[in-house]
Amino acid sequence: MEMFQWIAVVLIWVVPVLLSYLSYRRLQKEERQELKQEIGSPLIFFTYVPFVIGVLLFLSGSEAVTGLKAVQDAGMASAFFGWIVLWIGNVVTKAESAARSFSMIDVGIFVLVAYVQLL
């Protein structure tokens, strides 16, 4: 890999972590405790974590950065898995309206079809 690719991969992974840490440091003690309780929920590890890691993997594997198709595919699969679990969780808990649920389905199918067509 060239130097640009190494720098891009490091920035793709370091910038979100650094921004998250700085945001956490700005929170009040009560907000920090509330965030810790929310992160302790097992649903977080099946929804947001795979989605965020999937997007970062997808960006890391893109043609402009490394060009590793396997990393890009793994990122897309992980992000799609997180999206599906998040959608199912929202439908089961009735946290969203039916119209929003259908629009989430439409967006997910559109992104998946677009990705498959770009293969």
Protein backbone atom coordinates (compact mmCIF):
# COMPACT_ATOMS: atom_id res chain seq x y z
CA MET A 1 0.00 0.00 0.00
CA GLU A 2 1.14 3.50 -0.71
CA MET A 3 1.59 6.13 1.96
CA PHE A 4 -1.69 7.85 0.98
CA GLN A 5 -3.59 4.62 1.50
CA TRP A 6 -2.10 4.08 4.95
CA ILE A 7 -2.92 7.65 5.95
CA ALA A 8 -6.48 7.30 4.65
CA VAL A 9 -7.08 4.04 6.54
CA VAL A 10 -5.71 5.53 9.76
CA LEU A 11 -7.87 8.64 9.36
CA ILE A 12 -10.99 6.59 8.59
CA TRP A 13 -10.61 4.72 11.89
CA VAL A 14 -9.00 7.35 14.17
CA VAL A 15 -11.16 10.40 13.44
CA PRO A 16 -14.51 8.84 14.52
CA VAL A 17 -12.92 7.35 17.65
CA LEU A 18 -11.30 10.66 18.56
CA LEU A 19 -14.49 12.64 17.97
CA SER A 20 -16.49 10.15 20.05
CA TYR A 21 -13.99 10.42 22.89
CA LEU A 22 -14.06 14.22 22.80
CA SER A 23 -17.87 14.20 22.81
CA TYR A 24 -17.86 11.83 25.78
CA ARG A 25 -15.49 14.13 27.69
CA ARG A 26 -17.89 17.06 27.22
CA LEU A 27 -20.83 15.23 28.82
CA GLN A 28 -21.96 15.95 32.34
CA LYS A 29 -21.70 13.18 34.97
CA GLU A 30 -25.42 12.37 34.76
CA GLU A 31 -25.26 12.15 30.97
CA ARG A 32 -22.20 9.90 31.21
CA GLN A 33 -24.03 7.51 33.53
CA GLU A 34 -27.04 7.45 31.19
CA LEU A 35 -24.76 6.74 28.23
CA LYS A 36 -23.06 3.89 30.10
CA GLN A 37 -26.47 2.34 30.82
CA GLU A 38 -27.49 2.62 27.17
CA ILE A 39 -24.20 1.12 25.97
CA GLY A 40 -24.70 -1.77 28.40
CA SER A 41 -27.79 -2.83 26.47
CA PRO A 42 -27.17 -5.97 24.38
CA LEU A 43 -29.18 -4.52 21.51
CA ILE A 44 -26.42 -1.94 20.93
CA PHE A 45 -23.95 -4.71 20.05
CA PHE A 46 -26.27 -6.10 17.39
CA THR A 47 -27.40 -2.81 15.84
CA TYR A 48 -25.17 0.23 16.06
CA VAL A 49 -21.81 -1.49 16.52
CA PRO A 50 -22.06 -3.68 13.40
CA PHE A 51 -23.47 -0.75 11.43
CA VAL A 52 -20.68 1.65 12.38
CA ILE A 53 -17.91 -0.94 11.99
CA GLY A 54 -19.44 -1.99 8.67
CA VAL A 55 -19.42 1.56 7.34
CA LEU A 56 -15.80 2.01 8.44
CA LEU A 57 -14.81 -1.30 6.82
CA PHE A 58 -16.66 -0.36 3.66
CA LEU A 59 -14.79 2.95 3.49
CA SER A 60 -11.48 1.23 4.26
CA GLY A 61 -11.98 -1.24 1.44
CA SER A 62 -13.10 1.28 -1.15
CA GLU A 63 -11.20 1.61 -4.41
CA ALA A 64 -9.79 5.01 -3.49
CA VAL A 65 -8.26 3.74 -0.26
CA THR A 66 -7.12 0.11 -0.45
CA GLY A 67 -9.14 -1.50 -3.20
CA LEU A 68 -9.66 -4.65 -1.13
CA LYS A 69 -13.00 -6.00 -2.33
CA ALA A 70 -13.26 -8.55 0.50
CA VAL A 71 -13.00 -5.80 3.14
CA GLN A 72 -15.57 -3.72 1.30
CA ASP A 73 -17.96 -6.69 1.06
CA ALA A 74 -17.51 -7.53 4.75
CA GLY A 75 -18.23 -3.91 5.62
CA MET A 76 -21.40 -3.84 3.55
CA ALA A 77 -22.59 -7.15 5.05
CA SER A 78 -21.93 -5.92 8.59
CA ALA A 79 -23.67 -2.58 8.00
CA PHE A 80 -26.65 -4.32 6.40
CA PHE A 81 -26.87 -6.78 9.32
CA GLY A 82 -26.88 -3.90 11.81
CA TRP A 83 -29.53 -2.08 9.81
CA ILE A 84 -31.77 -5.17 9.62
CA VAL A 85 -31.52 -5.83 13.38
CA LEU A 86 -32.21 -2.16 14.12
CA TRP A 87 -35.26 -2.20 11.85
CA ILE A 88 -36.61 -5.41 13.40
CA GLY A 89 -36.03 -4.01 16.90
CA ASN A 90 -37.93 -0.84 16.04
CA VAL A 91 -40.81 -2.78 14.51
CA VAL A 92 -41.07 -5.17 17.47
CA THR A 93 -41.01 -2.37 20.06
CA LYS A 94 -43.28 -0.21 17.87
CA ALA A 95 -40.85 2.67 18.28
CA GLU A 96 -41.61 3.94 14.79
CA SER A 97 -44.67 4.50 12.67
CA ALA A 98 -45.59 2.17 9.84
CA ALA A 99 -44.69 4.77 7.21
CA ARG A 100 -41.22 5.20 8.63
CA SER A 101 -40.76 1.44 8.85
CA PHE A 102 -41.68 1.06 5.19
CA SER A 103 -39.36 3.89 4.22
CA MET A 104 -36.52 2.17 6.12
CA ILE A 105 -37.24 -1.01 4.17
CA ASP A 106 -37.21 0.93 0.90
CA VAL A 107 -33.91 2.63 1.69
CA GLY A 108 -32.28 -0.64 2.75
CA ILE A 109 -33.43 -2.46 -0.37
CA PHE A 110 -32.33 0.45 -2.56
CA VAL A 111 -28.85 0.51 -1.01
CA LEU A 112 -28.50 -3.27 -1.30
CA VAL A 113 -29.62 -3.29 -4.96
CA ALA A 114 -27.33 -0.37 -5.78
CA TYR A 115 -24.39 -2.13 -4.15
CA VAL A 116 -25.07 -5.38 -6.00
CA GLN A 117 -25.37 -3.51 -9.30
CA LEU A 118 -22.03 -1.79 -8.70
CA LEU A 119 -20.25 -5.13 -8.19
